[in-house]
Amino acid sequence: MRVMLDTNVLISGMVFQGLERRLLESILKNDHVLVLCEQTETEAEMVLLRKFSISERFLKNFLQLFRIERLPVLPEVFQNVSRLQRRPRAGPGAGLC
């Protein structure tokens, strides 16, 4: 079976005990194929370093445990995504007046 995970599920499974971890363990145990796109790996590297001080090397070593199918990100898709911007977070009480 091929299983595609988003970045949040991948990171949660690596860092925390819980359903996401059990999902990753099941993928390993049952020899399923983990399907990842380049964007997911890149985003995971950035989040792991920024939020958990976990190096890119750790992610690479972790992913070597799995059978992986890597999907490229198509340039036109990446261009559309890169135009999206996050709204700045409002401080406490913003919008109450």
Protein backbone atom coordinates (compact mmCIF):
# COMPACT_ATOMS: atom_id res chain seq x y z
CA MET A 1 0.00 0.00 0.00
CA ARG A 2 1.14 3.55 -0.72
CA VAL A 3 0.60 6.08 2.07
CA MET A 4 0.97 9.83 1.64
CA LEU A 5 1.27 11.99 4.75
CA ASP A 6 1.20 15.71 5.18
CA THR A 7 3.97 17.53 7.01
CA ASN A 8 2.07 17.81 10.30
CA VAL A 9 1.41 14.08 10.53
CA LEU A 10 5.00 13.23 9.61
CA ILE A 11 6.47 15.58 12.22
CA SER A 12 4.00 14.59 14.95
CA GLY A 13 4.80 10.94 14.34
CA MET A 14 8.52 11.62 14.64
CA VAL A 15 8.40 13.85 17.70
CA PHE A 16 5.41 12.76 19.81
CA GLN A 17 3.84 9.54 21.05
CA GLY A 18 0.32 9.19 19.71
CA LEU A 19 -1.77 8.18 16.73
CA GLU A 20 0.67 9.67 14.23
CA ARG A 21 3.53 7.65 15.76
CA ARG A 22 1.42 4.48 15.60
CA LEU A 23 0.65 5.24 11.95
CA LEU A 24 4.36 5.52 11.11
CA GLU A 25 5.08 2.31 13.02
CA SER A 26 2.31 0.56 11.07
CA ILE A 27 3.74 1.78 7.78
CA LEU A 28 7.13 0.33 8.76
CA LYS A 29 5.76 -2.92 10.16
CA ASN A 30 3.59 -3.64 7.14
CA ASP A 31 6.25 -2.60 4.61
CA HIS A 32 4.00 0.05 3.05
CA VAL A 33 5.48 2.71 0.78
CA LEU A 34 5.64 6.22 2.21
CA VAL A 35 4.89 8.72 -0.56
CA LEU A 36 6.45 12.16 -0.05
CA CYS A 37 6.75 15.21 -2.26
CA GLU A 38 9.81 17.44 -2.17
CA GLN A 39 7.80 20.24 -0.59
CA THR A 40 6.80 18.03 2.37
CA GLU A 41 10.41 17.06 3.06
CA THR A 42 11.62 20.65 2.79
CA GLU A 43 8.86 21.94 5.06
CA ALA A 44 9.54 19.16 7.59
CA GLU A 45 13.25 20.06 7.67
CA MET A 46 12.44 23.72 8.38
CA VAL A 47 9.82 23.01 11.06
CA LEU A 48 11.93 20.38 12.85
CA LEU A 49 14.86 22.78 13.06
CA ARG A 50 12.82 25.85 14.01
CA LYS A 51 10.44 24.32 16.56
CA PHE A 52 12.37 21.34 17.92
CA SER A 53 16.07 22.07 17.15
CA ILE A 54 16.23 18.77 15.23
CA SER A 55 18.74 18.69 12.38
CA GLU A 56 18.10 17.91 8.74
CA ARG A 57 20.36 14.87 9.17
CA PHE A 58 17.96 13.35 11.71
CA LEU A 59 15.09 13.59 9.22
CA LYS A 60 17.21 12.01 6.48
CA ASN A 61 18.23 9.13 8.78
CA PHE A 62 14.65 8.65 9.95
CA LEU A 63 13.29 8.49 6.41
CA GLN A 64 15.87 5.85 5.48
CA LEU A 65 13.90 3.42 7.64
CA PHE A 66 11.02 3.52 5.14
CA ARG A 67 10.43 2.45 1.59
CA ILE A 68 9.87 5.85 0.00
CA GLU A 69 8.43 7.06 -3.26
CA ARG A 70 9.38 10.69 -3.86
CA LEU A 71 7.20 12.91 -6.00
CA PRO A 72 8.61 16.05 -7.58
CA VAL A 73 6.83 19.36 -7.15
CA LEU A 74 5.77 20.70 -10.51
CA PRO A 75 7.16 24.23 -11.11
CA GLU A 76 3.74 25.74 -11.90
CA VAL A 77 2.28 24.31 -8.68
CA PHE A 78 5.20 25.63 -6.64
CA GLN A 79 4.83 29.11 -8.17
CA ASN A 80 1.16 29.23 -7.18
CA VAL A 81 1.92 28.09 -3.63
CA SER A 82 4.79 30.56 -3.19
CA ARG A 83 2.41 33.46 -3.91
CA LEU A 84 0.29 32.58 -0.91
CA GLN A 85 1.17 34.51 2.20
CA ARG A 86 0.22 33.98 5.79
CA ARG A 87 -1.72 36.67 7.51
CA PRO A 88 0.16 38.15 10.44
CA ARG A 89 -1.20 36.98 13.76
CA ALA A 90 -3.07 39.56 15.72
CA GLY A 91 -2.11 40.25 19.30
CA PRO A 92 -4.34 39.63 22.31
CA GLY A 93 -7.58 41.57 22.10
CA ALA A 94 -7.15 42.43 18.41
CA GLY A 95 -10.42 43.02 16.66
CA LEU A 96 -12.36 43.63 19.86
CA CYS A 97 -12.67 47.38 19.26
